[in-house]
Each structure stands twice: as C-alpha cells, then as structure tokens.
Protein backbone atom coordinates (compact mmCIF):
# COMPACT_ATOMS: atom_id res chain seq x y z
CA MET A 1 40.96 -73.38 -44.01
CA ARG A 2 42.35 -74.33 -40.39
CA TYR A 3 45.25 -72.10 -39.00
CA ALA A 4 47.03 -71.34 -35.75
CA LYS A 5 48.11 -68.12 -33.98
CA ARG A 6 51.51 -68.79 -32.14
CA GLY A 7 54.08 -67.26 -30.27
CA ARG A 8 54.03 -63.18 -30.70
CA MET A 9 51.54 -62.98 -33.46
CA ARG A 10 48.98 -63.75 -30.90
CA PHE A 11 49.47 -59.67 -30.59
CA THR A 12 48.21 -59.21 -34.63
CA SER A 13 44.26 -57.72 -34.59
CA HIS A 14 42.36 -59.48 -36.64
CA ARG A 15 42.68 -56.76 -39.22
CA ASP A 16 46.72 -57.54 -39.24
CA PHE A 17 45.82 -60.95 -40.01
CA SER A 18 43.41 -60.30 -42.66
CA ARG A 19 46.31 -57.74 -44.53
CA ALA A 20 48.87 -60.19 -43.89
CA PHE A 21 46.96 -63.19 -45.42
CA GLU A 22 45.93 -61.57 -48.75
CA ARG A 23 49.58 -60.61 -49.06
CA ALA A 24 50.34 -64.40 -48.38
CA VAL A 25 47.54 -64.84 -51.22
CA PHE A 26 49.07 -62.66 -53.68
CA ARG A 27 52.70 -64.09 -53.23
CA ALA A 28 51.52 -67.61 -53.19
CA ARG A 29 49.93 -67.42 -56.44
CA VAL A 30 46.49 -68.91 -55.43
CA PRO A 31 44.24 -68.45 -57.80
CA MET A 32 41.58 -66.56 -55.99
CA ALA A 33 38.10 -65.26 -57.29
CA TYR A 34 37.53 -61.61 -56.36
CA SER A 35 34.41 -59.33 -55.66
CA SER A 36 32.81 -57.63 -58.43
CA GLY A 37 32.69 -53.76 -58.39
CA PHE A 38 35.15 -50.61 -58.76
CA ASN A 39 37.65 -52.21 -56.19
CA PRO A 40 37.52 -56.04 -56.22
CA HIS A 41 38.92 -57.96 -53.38
CA PRO A 42 39.72 -61.61 -52.70
CA ARG A 43 37.06 -63.26 -51.66
CA ILE A 44 37.82 -64.50 -48.35
CA SER A 45 35.19 -64.96 -45.37
CA TYR A 46 36.82 -65.10 -41.90
CA ALA A 47 34.85 -66.83 -38.94
CA GLY A 48 35.00 -66.60 -35.16
CA ALA A 49 38.46 -64.67 -35.03
CA ALA A 50 39.87 -64.72 -31.39
CA PRO A 51 40.54 -61.61 -29.30
CA THR A 52 43.62 -59.72 -29.90
CA GLY A 53 46.19 -60.98 -27.34
CA SER A 54 44.99 -64.79 -27.68
CA ALA A 55 47.01 -67.44 -29.45
CA SER A 56 44.80 -69.89 -31.17
CA GLU A 57 45.27 -73.31 -32.56
CA ALA A 58 41.59 -73.18 -34.07
CA GLU A 59 41.22 -70.30 -36.11
CA TYR A 60 39.19 -70.84 -39.36
CA LEU A 61 38.42 -68.90 -42.69
CA GLU A 62 36.50 -69.99 -46.28
CA LEU A 63 38.43 -68.83 -49.75
CA ALA A 64 36.56 -68.72 -52.88
CA LEU A 65 39.03 -69.96 -55.86
CA ALA A 66 38.64 -69.05 -59.76
CA GLU A 67 39.89 -72.69 -60.75
CA VAL A 68 39.78 -76.10 -59.21
CA VAL A 69 42.83 -76.64 -57.07
CA VAL A 70 44.34 -79.65 -55.05
CA ALA A 71 43.27 -78.60 -50.94
CA ALA A 72 47.37 -80.39 -50.28
CA ASP A 73 48.64 -78.05 -52.64
CA VAL A 74 46.93 -74.64 -51.34
CA HIS A 75 48.03 -76.01 -47.90
CA ALA A 76 51.35 -75.77 -49.20
CA MET A 77 51.47 -72.64 -50.81
CA LEU A 78 49.92 -70.71 -48.02
CA ASP A 79 52.12 -72.26 -45.07
CA GLU A 80 55.10 -71.15 -47.11
CA ALA A 81 53.88 -67.52 -47.64
CA LEU A 82 52.89 -66.50 -44.24
CA PRO A 83 55.29 -65.65 -41.65
CA PRO A 84 56.19 -68.08 -38.68
CA GLY A 85 53.67 -67.96 -35.76
CA LEU A 86 50.83 -67.85 -38.30
CA ASP A 87 50.54 -71.58 -39.12
CA VAL A 88 47.89 -73.24 -41.85
CA LEU A 89 47.14 -76.68 -40.25
CA GLU A 90 44.09 -78.10 -42.43
CA VAL A 91 42.84 -77.06 -45.75
CA VAL A 92 39.78 -79.03 -46.77
CA GLU A 93 37.24 -78.33 -49.81
CA SER A 94 33.69 -77.01 -48.77
CA PRO A 95 30.93 -79.25 -49.43
CA GLY A 96 28.71 -76.44 -49.14
CA GLY A 97 27.01 -74.36 -46.68
CA SER A 98 28.49 -71.46 -43.89
CA LEU A 99 31.35 -72.70 -41.81
CA ALA A 100 30.47 -69.74 -39.47
CA ASP A 101 27.03 -71.66 -38.94
CA LEU A 102 29.46 -74.50 -37.51
CA LEU A 103 31.27 -72.74 -34.87
CA GLU A 104 28.83 -72.79 -31.83
CA ALA A 105 31.75 -73.14 -29.09
CA SER A 106 34.88 -72.59 -28.28
CA ARG A 107 37.65 -74.52 -26.04
CA TRP A 108 40.06 -72.47 -24.08
CA ARG A 109 42.99 -72.76 -22.25
CA ILE A 110 43.67 -69.95 -19.63
CA GLY A 111 47.47 -69.97 -17.81
CA LEU A 112 47.23 -67.47 -14.90
CA THR A 113 49.94 -66.04 -12.61
CA ALA A 114 47.89 -66.68 -9.04
CA ASP A 115 47.91 -69.07 -6.52
CA HIS A 116 46.22 -72.61 -7.20
CA ALA A 117 43.79 -72.54 -3.76
CA ALA A 118 42.45 -68.59 -4.74
CA VAL A 119 41.76 -69.86 -8.26
CA ALA A 120 39.76 -73.23 -7.30
CA ASP A 121 37.96 -70.90 -4.64
CA ALA A 122 36.97 -68.17 -7.33
CA VAL A 123 36.06 -71.09 -9.83
CA MET A 124 33.60 -72.54 -7.39
CA ARG A 125 31.68 -69.85 -6.26
CA PHE A 126 31.71 -68.60 -10.27
CA LEU A 127 30.26 -71.68 -11.08
CA ALA A 128 27.80 -71.40 -7.99
CA ALA A 129 26.36 -68.25 -9.03
CA ASP A 130 23.17 -67.92 -11.24
CA GLU A 131 24.49 -64.88 -13.22
CA VAL A 132 27.94 -63.29 -13.12
CA LEU A 133 27.50 -59.77 -15.09
CA VAL A 134 30.74 -58.24 -16.51
CA GLU A 135 31.02 -54.61 -18.31
CA ARG A 136 33.33 -54.47 -21.52
CA MET A 137 33.38 -51.69 -24.22
CA THR A 138 31.92 -52.87 -27.61
CA LYS A 139 31.64 -51.15 -30.71
CA LYS A 140 28.38 -50.19 -29.51
CA GLY A 141 30.13 -48.72 -26.21
CA MET A 142 30.16 -50.22 -22.62
CA ARG A 143 27.86 -53.17 -22.51
CA GLU A 144 26.77 -55.42 -19.84
CA PHE A 145 26.22 -58.86 -19.81
CA ASP A 146 25.97 -62.09 -18.16
CA ALA A 147 29.53 -64.15 -18.29
CA ARG A 148 28.07 -67.03 -16.40
CA GLY A 149 25.42 -67.99 -19.24
CA ALA A 150 27.93 -68.57 -21.69
CA VAL A 151 29.92 -71.06 -19.94
CA LEU A 152 29.42 -74.63 -19.96
CA SER A 153 32.52 -76.34 -18.59
CA LEU A 154 35.32 -74.60 -16.14
CA VAL A 155 38.32 -76.78 -14.85
CA VAL A 156 41.21 -76.19 -12.74
CA ASP A 157 44.32 -78.67 -14.28
CA PRO A 158 44.89 -80.11 -10.43
CA ALA A 159 48.61 -80.68 -11.77
CA ALA A 160 48.92 -76.36 -12.74
CA GLY A 161 49.34 -76.53 -8.55
CA ALA A 162 52.86 -77.85 -8.66
CA ALA A 163 54.13 -75.08 -9.45
CA PRO A 164 53.66 -72.19 -7.34
CA GLY A 165 52.31 -69.05 -8.30
CA ARG A 166 51.24 -70.62 -11.43
CA THR A 167 47.60 -71.97 -12.41
CA SER A 168 45.69 -72.70 -15.53
CA MET A 169 42.04 -72.99 -16.58
CA ASP A 170 40.06 -75.12 -19.13
CA VAL A 171 36.83 -73.23 -20.04
CA VAL A 172 34.28 -74.19 -22.60
CA LEU A 173 32.46 -71.19 -23.90
CA ARG A 174 29.08 -71.33 -25.71
CA HIS A 175 28.88 -68.56 -28.68
CA GLY A 176 26.36 -65.90 -28.76
CA THR A 177 25.56 -62.19 -28.71
CA PRO A 178 27.37 -60.59 -27.51
CA ALA A 179 30.38 -63.15 -27.88
CA VAL A 180 31.41 -63.97 -24.37
CA ARG A 181 35.28 -63.92 -24.50
CA PRO A 182 37.74 -65.54 -21.65
CA ASP A 183 38.76 -62.46 -20.30
CA ASP A 184 34.89 -62.05 -19.67
CA VAL A 185 35.19 -65.09 -17.17
CA LEU A 186 38.30 -63.60 -15.71
CA ARG A 187 36.52 -60.58 -15.18
CA GLY A 188 33.84 -62.51 -13.71
CA LEU A 189 36.14 -64.49 -11.38
CA GLU A 190 37.22 -61.47 -10.07
CA ALA A 191 33.66 -60.02 -9.34
CA VAL A 192 32.45 -63.05 -7.57
CA ALA A 193 35.52 -63.68 -5.29
CA GLY A 194 37.77 -60.72 -5.72
CA LEU A 195 40.55 -63.16 -7.73
CA PRO A 196 43.36 -60.52 -8.32
CA MET A 197 45.36 -60.88 -11.89
CA ASP A 198 48.87 -59.61 -11.36
CA GLN A 199 50.18 -60.22 -14.78
CA ALA A 200 48.12 -60.81 -17.92
CA PRO A 201 46.92 -64.10 -18.84
CA LEU A 202 48.08 -66.73 -21.28
CA MET A 203 45.05 -67.54 -23.42
CA THR A 204 44.94 -70.07 -26.20
CA ARG A 205 41.90 -71.40 -27.66
CA LEU A 206 42.02 -75.11 -28.34
CA ALA A 207 39.09 -75.88 -30.58
CA GLN A 208 36.30 -74.21 -32.12
CA GLY A 209 33.36 -75.95 -33.90
CA PRO A 210 30.27 -77.58 -33.26
CA LEU A 211 28.66 -78.31 -29.86
CA LEU A 212 28.53 -81.75 -29.29
CA GLY A 213 26.10 -83.14 -25.80
CA SER A 214 26.89 -80.28 -23.15
CA ASP A 215 29.91 -79.08 -23.07
CA GLN A 216 32.64 -80.97 -25.96
CA VAL A 217 33.54 -79.02 -29.01
CA GLY A 218 33.40 -80.97 -32.28
CA ASP A 219 35.74 -80.44 -35.45
CA PRO A 220 33.92 -78.25 -38.03
CA LEU A 221 36.14 -79.29 -40.98
CA ALA A 222 35.76 -83.43 -40.31
CA ASP A 223 32.59 -83.84 -42.35
CA ARG A 224 34.21 -81.30 -45.07
CA ALA A 225 37.74 -83.60 -45.44
C-alpha cells in the first residue's frame, strides 16, 4: 500500500501513525491476519517511514490478510476510515518478496525561506565537496556521517527564485545505514557555506522506490499491480 502524509499530519510520528492505522483497520473491518502468541497484533510491516515533520506522497506498508480480498475494496475501506491528511493512494496484491528491499532511494522537494542565490551557491559548494560530515542524534547516540555520499542529485528550482526569499530544491537520496535525511543535507549546506535557516523548511517526499540509472527513483508497486 502507498499512502500520503499531508498538511498537519506530517507532524505525526511513526508510532502515532501506526496506532491510527491499526484503529482504521479495526473500524474498516479489514480481515487482517494476526501474529501468534500471548498478545497477537495485526500483521503490518512498515517500510521506509519519513521523518516526523516531513510530508510525503510515497509512504509504504504491507498487510497480511486472513482471506482473499479485492485490492480496490481494501483501498476504499481504509481510505474511508483514516483521518484527512493520511490518504491511501494505491493498494495492490503482493506477488511475494520484500517490499522494503525495493526502496533503494527517495526523491524529496525541500522548500526554504532563504535567498535563491545563496542557496544556489551553497548547493554548488556542497556538490563540489568529496565529503560533508554532519552529526545527528540517533538511537545509538550522537553519530557523525557523510551527507554528501548519499546525494545522487541536488538541483535548485530556477522558478523558485521568482518569489523573494523563497527557494526550493529537488534532491535524490540513496538509502543506506545510517539513513541520510533531507535535514542532514540542509545541515551539510550550512556546514560548507554557512547557509542560514531562519524558518523550518517544508520537506516533502515525492517518490520512494528502486534506483533506476544514476538518479531516477522508480515505482516499487509497478510490477505488483
């Protein structure tokens, strides 16, 4: 299943979404398969969740059902039960294999309140660097890693400069461990060029899937529909 996080729902954490989704599954009476054991849970596998605060048009999960159901019916039932801003976009039957293994890269749009020329200069310096080290707190503590190595493409939208003080970028990130996020790229731009971030950026994942060529992100459900 592909779903979107829009509007204020981008501030829901992954844990918040999983709770909301499980409630939606119950309300919609989707015939879920459950785990065995003392405290059974619906068999739902989440893949490649976006960071809290990010909007997304390309979030994915897998459901295990207890009986055969038409994918379009599951789509309609869940979309009806989920709150506005958490929107089901596509449901297909899985042919088997791991969906998570197909999520090799993501394409993001980052909207900034920053001068267009300053952003373009920072991007040029970032791309020219062999390595851009940034730090982020992870579950294992503070970690330092290379933000530049994960960036396959980073382009400043030329049309965005038409609005004074507003700029947007398009970035393609290769997935890895630790995962480099769009906010890591912004920290990298600040590190190499001192690019100021006066307001919180609006980060939206546009696509997530297999890496095609050097910097194109494919549709992981294309061969499953």
